[in-house]
Amino acid sequence: MRLFTQHPESVGETYVEHFGMASGFGARMILGGFACMVHGVLPFLFTKTGSRIITDLHGRMVTQRSRHAASDSRQTA
């Protein structure tokens, strides 16, 4: 069971929360990848979609880690 909970706990999530976050990230990455592939063929389409999705996902991940780190420091203080 620990295999399923160790990593989610390390980022401050339950297994179900982590499943939702990871699935959402994966879906956005697939959509962003598709937009980039279409953009490669039709360069006038999706000119900022891929970079916008990457920036958004990075921001969400950093925010999530910062929130977890802040809650950890409050718990140990």
N, C-alpha and C. Protein backbone atom coordinates (compact mmCIF):
# COMPACT_ATOMS: atom_id res chain seq x y z
N MET A 1 0.82 -1.20 0.00
CA MET A 1 0.00 0.00 0.00
C MET A 1 0.87 1.26 0.00
N ARG A 2 2.02 1.17 0.65
CA ARG A 2 2.91 2.34 0.75
C ARG A 2 3.36 2.83 -0.63
N LEU A 3 3.48 1.92 -1.59
CA LEU A 3 3.86 2.30 -2.95
C LEU A 3 2.86 3.31 -3.54
N PHE A 4 1.60 3.21 -3.14
CA PHE A 4 0.57 4.08 -3.67
C PHE A 4 0.44 5.40 -2.91
N THR A 5 0.97 5.46 -1.71
CA THR A 5 0.75 6.66 -0.88
C THR A 5 2.01 7.47 -0.60
N GLN A 6 3.17 6.88 -0.73
CA GLN A 6 4.42 7.58 -0.35
C GLN A 6 4.62 8.87 -1.14
N HIS A 7 4.58 8.80 -2.45
CA HIS A 7 4.80 10.01 -3.25
C HIS A 7 3.68 11.03 -3.06
N PRO A 8 2.40 10.65 -3.14
CA PRO A 8 1.36 11.65 -2.89
C PRO A 8 1.52 12.37 -1.55
N GLU A 9 1.86 11.63 -0.50
CA GLU A 9 2.09 12.25 0.81
C GLU A 9 3.26 13.23 0.76
N SER A 10 4.29 12.90 -0.02
CA SER A 10 5.47 13.77 -0.08
C SER A 10 5.16 15.12 -0.73
N VAL A 11 4.07 15.19 -1.50
CA VAL A 11 3.68 16.47 -2.11
C VAL A 11 2.40 17.02 -1.47
N GLY A 12 2.03 16.45 -0.31
CA GLY A 12 0.92 16.99 0.46
C GLY A 12 -0.46 16.63 -0.07
N GLU A 13 -0.58 15.48 -0.71
CA GLU A 13 -1.85 15.07 -1.28
C GLU A 13 -2.20 13.66 -0.84
N THR A 14 -3.49 13.35 -0.86
CA THR A 14 -3.92 11.97 -0.70
C THR A 14 -3.75 11.27 -2.04
N TYR A 15 -3.95 9.97 -2.04
CA TYR A 15 -3.86 9.22 -3.29
C TYR A 15 -4.89 9.75 -4.30
N VAL A 16 -6.12 9.96 -3.84
CA VAL A 16 -7.19 10.42 -4.74
C VAL A 16 -6.91 11.83 -5.25
N GLU A 17 -6.43 12.72 -4.37
CA GLU A 17 -6.08 14.08 -4.81
C GLU A 17 -4.96 14.02 -5.85
N HIS A 18 -3.96 13.20 -5.59
CA HIS A 18 -2.83 13.09 -6.52
C HIS A 18 -3.28 12.51 -7.85
N PHE A 19 -4.16 11.52 -7.81
CA PHE A 19 -4.70 10.95 -9.04
C PHE A 19 -5.39 12.03 -9.86
N GLY A 20 -6.20 12.85 -9.22
CA GLY A 20 -6.89 13.94 -9.92
C GLY A 20 -5.93 14.96 -10.50
N MET A 21 -4.95 15.37 -9.70
CA MET A 21 -3.97 16.36 -10.19
C MET A 21 -3.16 15.79 -11.35
N ALA A 22 -2.64 14.59 -11.19
CA ALA A 22 -1.80 13.98 -12.23
C ALA A 22 -2.60 13.74 -13.51
N SER A 23 -3.84 13.29 -13.36
CA SER A 23 -4.68 13.06 -14.53
C SER A 23 -4.99 14.36 -15.25
N GLY A 24 -5.27 15.40 -14.48
CA GLY A 24 -5.52 16.71 -15.08
C GLY A 24 -4.30 17.25 -15.81
N PHE A 25 -3.13 17.09 -15.18
CA PHE A 25 -1.89 17.53 -15.83
C PHE A 25 -1.68 16.74 -17.12
N GLY A 26 -1.88 15.44 -17.05
CA GLY A 26 -1.68 14.60 -18.23
C GLY A 26 -2.60 14.98 -19.38
N ALA A 27 -3.87 15.23 -19.06
CA ALA A 27 -4.83 15.63 -20.10
C ALA A 27 -4.41 16.96 -20.73
N ARG A 28 -4.00 17.92 -19.91
CA ARG A 28 -3.56 19.22 -20.45
C ARG A 28 -2.31 19.05 -21.31
N MET A 29 -1.41 18.16 -20.91
CA MET A 29 -0.20 17.93 -21.69
C MET A 29 -0.54 17.30 -23.04
N ILE A 30 -1.48 16.38 -23.05
CA ILE A 30 -1.89 15.77 -24.32
C ILE A 30 -2.51 16.82 -25.23
N LEU A 31 -3.39 17.65 -24.68
CA LEU A 31 -4.01 18.71 -25.49
C LEU A 31 -2.96 19.70 -26.00
N GLY A 32 -2.02 20.06 -25.13
CA GLY A 32 -0.95 20.96 -25.55
C GLY A 32 -0.08 20.35 -26.63
N GLY A 33 0.21 19.07 -26.50
CA GLY A 33 0.99 18.37 -27.52
C GLY A 33 0.27 18.31 -28.85
N PHE A 34 -1.02 18.05 -28.79
CA PHE A 34 -1.82 18.04 -30.01
C PHE A 34 -1.81 19.42 -30.67
N ALA A 35 -1.99 20.47 -29.86
CA ALA A 35 -1.96 21.84 -30.40
C ALA A 35 -0.62 22.13 -31.05
N CYS A 36 0.48 21.67 -30.43
CA CYS A 36 1.81 21.89 -31.02
C CYS A 36 1.97 21.15 -32.34
N MET A 37 1.43 19.95 -32.42
CA MET A 37 1.53 19.18 -33.67
C MET A 37 0.74 19.87 -34.78
N VAL A 38 -0.46 20.35 -34.46
CA VAL A 38 -1.26 21.07 -35.45
C VAL A 38 -0.54 22.35 -35.85
N HIS A 39 0.03 23.04 -34.87
CA HIS A 39 0.76 24.28 -35.14
C HIS A 39 1.94 24.03 -36.09
N GLY A 40 2.59 22.87 -35.94
CA GLY A 40 3.70 22.54 -36.83
C GLY A 40 3.27 22.47 -38.29
N VAL A 41 2.06 21.99 -38.53
CA VAL A 41 1.55 21.87 -39.89
C VAL A 41 0.89 23.16 -40.35
N LEU A 42 0.17 23.80 -39.44
CA LEU A 42 -0.56 25.04 -39.74
C LEU A 42 -0.09 26.12 -38.77
N PRO A 43 1.04 26.76 -39.08
CA PRO A 43 1.70 27.65 -38.12
C PRO A 43 0.88 28.86 -37.69
N PHE A 44 -0.20 29.14 -38.36
CA PHE A 44 -1.04 30.27 -37.98
C PHE A 44 -2.05 29.88 -36.89
N LEU A 45 -2.14 28.58 -36.57
CA LEU A 45 -3.04 28.11 -35.51
C LEU A 45 -2.24 27.81 -34.23
N PHE A 46 -2.87 27.99 -33.12
CA PHE A 46 -2.31 27.64 -31.80
C PHE A 46 -0.92 28.24 -31.59
N THR A 47 -0.76 29.51 -31.92
CA THR A 47 0.57 30.13 -31.85
C THR A 47 1.10 30.26 -30.43
N LYS A 48 0.24 30.27 -29.45
CA LYS A 48 0.71 30.41 -28.06
C LYS A 48 0.17 29.32 -27.14
N THR A 49 -0.59 28.40 -27.67
CA THR A 49 -1.26 27.41 -26.84
C THR A 49 -0.28 26.52 -26.08
N GLY A 50 0.69 25.96 -26.76
CA GLY A 50 1.65 25.06 -26.12
C GLY A 50 2.42 25.75 -25.01
N SER A 51 2.96 26.92 -25.28
CA SER A 51 3.74 27.63 -24.26
C SER A 51 2.86 28.08 -23.11
N ARG A 52 1.62 28.46 -23.40
CA ARG A 52 0.70 28.88 -22.35
C ARG A 52 0.37 27.70 -21.42
N ILE A 53 0.14 26.53 -21.99
CA ILE A 53 -0.17 25.35 -21.17
C ILE A 53 1.04 24.96 -20.31
N ILE A 54 2.23 24.98 -20.89
CA ILE A 54 3.44 24.67 -20.12
C ILE A 54 3.61 25.64 -18.97
N THR A 55 3.46 26.93 -19.25
CA THR A 55 3.61 27.95 -18.20
C THR A 55 2.58 27.76 -17.10
N ASP A 56 1.34 27.48 -17.49
CA ASP A 56 0.27 27.26 -16.52
C ASP A 56 0.55 26.04 -15.64
N LEU A 57 0.92 24.93 -16.27
CA LEU A 57 1.18 23.71 -15.51
C LEU A 57 2.38 23.89 -14.58
N HIS A 58 3.41 24.54 -15.05
CA HIS A 58 4.57 24.79 -14.20
C HIS A 58 4.18 25.65 -13.01
N GLY A 59 3.41 26.70 -13.26
CA GLY A 59 2.96 27.57 -12.18
C GLY A 59 2.13 26.81 -11.16
N ARG A 60 1.23 25.97 -11.62
CA ARG A 60 0.40 25.18 -10.70
C ARG A 60 1.24 24.22 -9.88
N MET A 61 2.23 23.60 -10.51
CA MET A 61 3.07 22.65 -9.80
C MET A 61 3.92 23.36 -8.75
N VAL A 62 4.50 24.49 -9.10
CA VAL A 62 5.33 25.25 -8.16
C VAL A 62 4.47 25.77 -7.01
N THR A 63 3.27 26.26 -7.33
CA THR A 63 2.37 26.75 -6.29
C THR A 63 2.00 25.63 -5.33
N GLN A 64 1.70 24.46 -5.87
CA GLN A 64 1.34 23.30 -5.05
C GLN A 64 2.50 22.92 -4.14
N ARG A 65 3.71 22.89 -4.67
CA ARG A 65 4.88 22.54 -3.86
C ARG A 65 5.11 23.59 -2.78
N SER A 66 4.95 24.87 -3.13
CA SER A 66 5.16 25.95 -2.16
C SER A 66 4.13 25.86 -1.04
N ARG A 67 2.89 25.57 -1.40
CA ARG A 67 1.83 25.44 -0.41
C ARG A 67 2.15 24.29 0.54
N HIS A 68 2.63 23.16 -0.01
CA HIS A 68 2.96 21.99 0.80
C HIS A 68 4.15 22.32 1.72
N ALA A 69 5.17 22.97 1.18
CA ALA A 69 6.34 23.33 1.98
C ALA A 69 5.96 24.28 3.11
N ALA A 70 5.07 25.23 2.82
CA ALA A 70 4.64 26.19 3.85
C ALA A 70 3.86 25.48 4.95
N SER A 71 2.99 24.55 4.58
CA SER A 71 2.23 23.83 5.61
C SER A 71 3.15 22.94 6.44
N ASP A 72 4.18 22.35 5.81
CA ASP A 72 5.14 21.54 6.56
C ASP A 72 5.90 22.39 7.57
N SER A 73 6.32 23.59 7.16
CA SER A 73 7.10 24.44 8.06
C SER A 73 6.22 24.94 9.22
N ARG A 74 4.94 25.15 8.97
CA ARG A 74 4.03 25.56 10.04
C ARG A 74 3.80 24.42 11.02
N GLN A 75 3.76 23.19 10.53
CA GLN A 75 3.52 22.05 11.40
C GLN A 75 4.73 21.74 12.29
N THR A 76 5.92 22.01 11.78
CA THR A 76 7.12 21.72 12.56
C THR A 76 7.50 22.87 13.48
N ALA A 77 6.94 24.04 13.26
CA ALA A 77 7.28 25.22 14.09
C ALA A 77 6.54 25.21 15.41
